[in-house]
Amino acid sequence: MPAACALVRGGFADLGLIDPDLIDLSNLSRQVIFGESDIGTPKVIAAARHLAAILPGARIEPIAKSLDAGNAVEIIARFGFVIDATDSPATKFLINDVCLERGVAFVYGGVLGLSGQAMTVIPGTTACLRCLFEEPPDEAEVASCREAGIIGPVAGAIGEAQAAEALSFMSGRMPALAGNMFTLESFHSGRIRLTPITARIGCRCGAAQSNAVAGCAPAPGR
């Protein structure tokens, strides 16, 4: 929810939230917009109510279901930009693939322990997740990552970065993290890195091929 909060505080008044879960006690220490009275309520319903209080008149659509192969195309096609705030590698790759198919820009986000990452993907222009990893990790690796958990403030910082990318794109500007991986390492004194990610030749996203063609195009007037 940090990204959603940052969006409405930035004046963005039209967004959808998708999550199948109900709020439980363990969520209260990580999600600052929820309170004890929200326990048992679908996260997206409670979030929509709280976000509308921040920005009266905001149009927030709660979608209380999981994003899966059966509904991803229909849901993603309705929006102009997608923020990946999931903790499932399989869902992250589903978002990647459907956004590429539908031509919808999105920002990837991931948090593990004291570290977090974010990168924006512009279909056909910048590197996608499959340029980095051709396939999602196996179940053993996923289970190991889940055991490591996440730190709330790191997730909050990544969410803020994702919201800034969404606001830039929806305002007609090229997002700063388009084709760049932002990495936050909060252990020790903290460190931030910005790493350019090159589109992989042969990746289904086609960005490498498109960029190669653009690089070979004649200069204007010649």
Protein backbone atom coordinates (compact mmCIF):
# COMPACT_ATOMS: atom_id res chain seq x y z
CA MET A 1 0.00 0.00 0.00
CA PRO A 2 2.91 2.51 0.26
CA ALA A 3 2.77 3.11 -3.48
CA ALA A 4 -1.00 3.70 -3.42
CA CYS A 5 -0.64 6.18 -0.55
CA ALA A 6 2.10 8.04 -2.40
CA LEU A 7 -0.02 8.19 -5.56
CA VAL A 8 -3.03 9.80 -3.89
CA ARG A 9 -0.80 12.17 -1.94
CA GLY A 10 0.71 13.12 -5.29
CA GLY A 11 -2.77 14.00 -6.54
CA PHE A 12 -3.40 10.91 -8.69
CA ALA A 13 -7.10 10.24 -8.32
CA ASP A 14 -7.89 7.23 -10.53
CA LEU A 15 -6.45 3.84 -9.61
CA GLY A 16 -7.30 0.21 -9.05
CA LEU A 17 -6.14 -2.05 -6.22
CA ILE A 18 -6.03 -5.84 -6.53
CA ASP A 19 -5.43 -8.19 -3.60
CA PRO A 20 -7.39 -11.27 -2.45
CA ASP A 21 -6.40 -11.14 1.24
CA LEU A 22 -8.17 -10.06 4.39
CA ILE A 23 -6.44 -7.86 6.96
CA ASP A 24 -5.06 -9.73 9.95
CA LEU A 25 -3.22 -8.63 13.06
CA SER A 26 0.22 -9.21 11.53
CA ASN A 27 -0.49 -6.62 8.82
CA LEU A 28 -0.88 -3.74 11.26
CA SER A 29 2.84 -3.36 11.94
CA ARG A 30 3.66 -3.16 8.20
CA GLN A 31 0.72 -1.28 6.67
CA VAL A 32 0.30 2.12 8.25
CA ILE A 33 -3.12 2.89 6.76
CA PHE A 34 -4.81 -0.06 8.49
CA GLY A 35 -6.05 -0.12 12.06
CA GLU A 36 -7.37 -2.73 14.47
CA SER A 37 -10.94 -2.05 13.35
CA ASP A 38 -9.99 -3.17 9.83
CA ILE A 39 -9.08 -6.72 10.86
CA GLY A 40 -11.14 -9.20 8.83
CA THR A 41 -11.90 -6.68 6.08
CA PRO A 42 -10.58 -7.25 2.52
CA LYS A 43 -7.37 -5.26 2.19
CA VAL A 44 -8.51 -3.50 -0.97
CA ILE A 45 -11.82 -2.40 0.58
CA ALA A 46 -10.17 -0.94 3.66
CA ALA A 47 -7.41 0.63 1.56
CA ALA A 48 -9.89 2.26 -0.81
CA ARG A 49 -11.74 3.76 2.15
CA HIS A 50 -8.60 5.14 3.75
CA LEU A 51 -7.16 6.45 0.47
CA ALA A 52 -10.42 8.24 -0.36
CA ALA A 53 -10.13 10.00 3.01
CA ILE A 54 -6.67 11.25 2.00
CA LEU A 55 -7.89 12.52 -1.38
CA PRO A 56 -11.65 13.14 -1.37
CA GLY A 57 -13.17 12.50 -4.77
CA ALA A 58 -10.54 9.94 -5.74
CA ARG A 59 -11.84 7.09 -7.92
CA ILE A 60 -10.40 3.92 -6.41
CA GLU A 61 -11.53 0.54 -7.69
CA PRO A 62 -11.02 -2.33 -5.21
CA ILE A 63 -10.58 -5.74 -6.86
CA ALA A 64 -10.71 -8.39 -4.12
CA LYS A 65 -9.23 -11.29 -6.05
CA SER A 66 -5.92 -12.77 -7.10
CA LEU A 67 -4.33 -11.77 -10.38
CA ASP A 68 -3.96 -14.97 -12.38
CA ALA A 69 -3.67 -16.27 -15.93
CA GLY A 70 -7.46 -16.29 -16.26
CA ASN A 71 -8.06 -12.60 -15.49
CA ALA A 72 -4.73 -10.81 -15.95
CA VAL A 73 -5.29 -9.71 -19.55
CA GLU A 74 -8.75 -8.29 -18.87
CA ILE A 75 -7.67 -6.46 -15.70
CA ILE A 76 -4.33 -5.07 -16.93
CA ALA A 77 -5.81 -3.86 -20.24
CA ARG A 78 -8.05 -1.45 -18.29
CA PHE A 79 -5.16 0.54 -16.83
CA GLY A 80 -2.52 2.86 -18.24
CA PHE A 81 0.28 1.80 -15.89
CA VAL A 82 0.82 -1.12 -13.51
CA ILE A 83 2.68 -1.19 -10.19
CA ASP A 84 3.95 -4.65 -9.27
CA ALA A 85 3.70 -4.86 -5.48
CA THR A 86 3.37 -8.64 -5.26
CA ASP A 87 5.52 -11.08 -3.30
CA SER A 88 5.04 -13.93 -5.79
CA PRO A 89 7.71 -14.42 -8.50
CA ALA A 90 5.18 -16.24 -10.68
CA THR A 91 2.81 -13.27 -10.49
CA LYS A 92 5.65 -10.85 -11.25
CA PHE A 93 6.42 -12.74 -14.45
CA LEU A 94 2.71 -12.90 -15.30
CA ILE A 95 2.52 -9.10 -14.97
CA ASN A 96 5.64 -8.77 -17.11
CA ASP A 97 4.30 -11.00 -19.87
CA VAL A 98 0.78 -9.56 -19.99
CA CYS A 99 2.01 -5.97 -19.88
CA LEU A 100 4.34 -6.70 -22.79
CA GLU A 101 1.50 -8.36 -24.70
CA ARG A 102 -0.91 -5.46 -24.11
CA GLY A 103 1.69 -2.68 -24.44
CA VAL A 104 1.17 -1.45 -20.87
CA ALA A 105 4.15 0.06 -19.02
CA PHE A 106 4.80 -1.20 -15.49
CA VAL A 107 7.25 -0.86 -12.62
CA TYR A 108 8.68 -3.98 -11.02
CA GLY A 109 9.38 -3.96 -7.30
CA GLY A 110 10.92 -6.50 -4.98
CA VAL A 111 11.95 -6.52 -1.32
CA LEU A 112 13.97 -9.15 0.52
CA GLY A 113 15.13 -8.57 4.07
CA LEU A 114 16.98 -5.25 4.19
CA SER A 115 17.23 -4.81 0.42
CA GLY A 116 14.82 -3.68 -2.27
CA GLN A 117 14.77 -3.11 -6.02
CA ALA A 118 12.62 -1.34 -8.60
CA MET A 119 12.74 -1.03 -12.40
CA THR A 120 10.31 0.37 -14.94
CA VAL A 121 9.57 -1.53 -18.15
CA ILE A 122 8.39 0.30 -21.27
CA PRO A 123 7.21 -2.45 -23.67
CA GLY A 124 9.32 -2.72 -26.80
CA THR A 125 11.71 -0.02 -25.57
CA THR A 126 13.45 -1.08 -22.34
CA ALA A 127 14.59 -4.35 -20.81
CA CYS A 128 11.96 -6.53 -19.13
CA LEU A 129 12.19 -9.07 -16.30
CA ARG A 130 12.91 -11.88 -18.75
CA CYS A 131 15.91 -9.96 -20.02
CA LEU A 132 17.33 -10.53 -16.53
CA PHE A 133 15.86 -13.93 -15.71
CA GLU A 134 14.40 -16.09 -18.47
CA GLU A 135 12.21 -18.06 -16.02
CA PRO A 136 10.85 -17.54 -12.48
CA PRO A 137 12.87 -19.12 -9.64
CA ASP A 138 12.01 -22.65 -8.52
CA GLU A 139 9.88 -23.34 -5.46
CA ALA A 140 12.85 -24.11 -3.19
CA GLU A 141 14.38 -20.71 -3.90
CA VAL A 142 11.03 -18.96 -3.42
CA ALA A 143 10.52 -20.69 -0.04
CA SER A 144 14.00 -19.64 1.07
CA CYS A 145 13.30 -16.02 0.16
CA ARG A 146 10.00 -16.01 2.04
CA GLU A 147 11.77 -17.21 5.17
CA ALA A 148 14.02 -14.14 4.98
CA GLY A 149 10.97 -11.86 5.22
CA ILE A 150 10.89 -8.14 4.52
CA ILE A 151 11.47 -4.97 6.50
CA GLY A 152 8.54 -2.51 6.44
CA PRO A 153 10.53 0.71 5.87
CA VAL A 154 12.36 -0.86 2.92
CA ALA A 155 9.04 -1.87 1.35
CA GLY A 156 7.81 1.68 1.98
CA ALA A 157 10.81 3.21 0.22
CA ILE A 158 10.42 0.94 -2.79
CA GLY A 159 6.70 1.74 -2.94
CA GLU A 160 7.46 5.47 -2.92
CA ALA A 161 9.93 4.98 -5.79
CA GLN A 162 7.35 3.00 -7.76
CA ALA A 163 4.72 5.69 -7.23
CA ALA A 164 7.15 8.34 -8.52
CA GLU A 165 7.66 6.25 -11.66
CA ALA A 166 3.91 5.92 -12.19
CA LEU A 167 3.33 9.64 -11.71
CA SER A 168 6.12 10.47 -14.19
CA PHE A 169 4.77 8.12 -16.84
CA MET A 170 1.14 9.21 -16.44
CA SER A 171 2.29 12.84 -16.71
CA GLY A 172 3.91 12.14 -20.08
CA ARG A 173 7.51 12.05 -18.84
CA MET A 174 10.00 9.22 -19.24
CA PRO A 175 10.38 7.53 -15.83
CA ALA A 176 13.86 7.70 -14.30
CA LEU A 177 13.95 3.92 -13.78
CA ALA A 178 12.99 2.99 -17.34
CA GLY A 179 15.71 0.49 -18.20
CA ASN A 180 17.50 1.16 -14.89
CA MET A 181 17.49 -1.04 -11.79
CA PHE A 182 17.24 0.95 -8.56
CA THR A 183 18.70 -0.99 -5.63
CA LEU A 184 18.37 0.03 -2.00
CA GLU A 185 20.55 -1.72 0.57
CA SER A 186 19.63 -0.48 4.03
CA PHE A 187 22.09 -2.50 6.08
CA HIS A 188 25.18 -0.80 7.51
CA SER A 189 24.93 2.90 6.56
CA GLY A 190 22.67 2.25 3.59
CA ARG A 191 23.53 2.33 -0.09
CA ILE A 192 21.66 3.18 -3.29
CA ARG A 193 22.67 2.01 -6.75
CA LEU A 194 21.27 2.75 -10.20
CA THR A 195 22.29 0.10 -12.72
CA PRO A 196 21.48 0.34 -16.45
CA ILE A 197 19.89 -2.90 -17.69
CA THR A 198 20.46 -3.81 -21.33
CA ALA A 199 17.68 -5.58 -23.20
CA ARG A 200 18.65 -9.17 -23.94
CA ILE A 201 18.97 -10.21 -27.56
CA GLY A 202 16.38 -12.88 -28.27
CA CYS A 203 14.10 -11.98 -25.37
CA ARG A 204 10.42 -12.12 -26.23
CA CYS A 205 10.02 -8.44 -25.26
CA GLY A 206 11.73 -7.42 -28.51
CA ALA A 207 13.36 -4.34 -26.97
CA ALA A 208 16.87 -5.31 -28.10
CA GLN A 209 15.72 -5.75 -31.69
CA SER A 210 13.74 -2.49 -31.67
CA ASN A 211 16.69 -0.57 -30.28
CA ALA A 212 19.03 -2.10 -32.85
CA VAL A 213 16.74 -1.05 -35.69
CA ALA A 214 16.40 2.44 -34.25
CA GLY A 215 20.18 2.67 -33.96
CA CYS A 216 20.58 1.80 -37.62
CA ALA A 217 17.97 4.27 -38.83
CA PRO A 218 19.32 7.14 -40.98
CA ALA A 219 19.63 10.54 -39.37
CA PRO A 220 16.80 13.00 -40.12
CA GLY A 221 17.28 14.78 -43.45
CA ARG A 222 19.55 12.09 -44.93
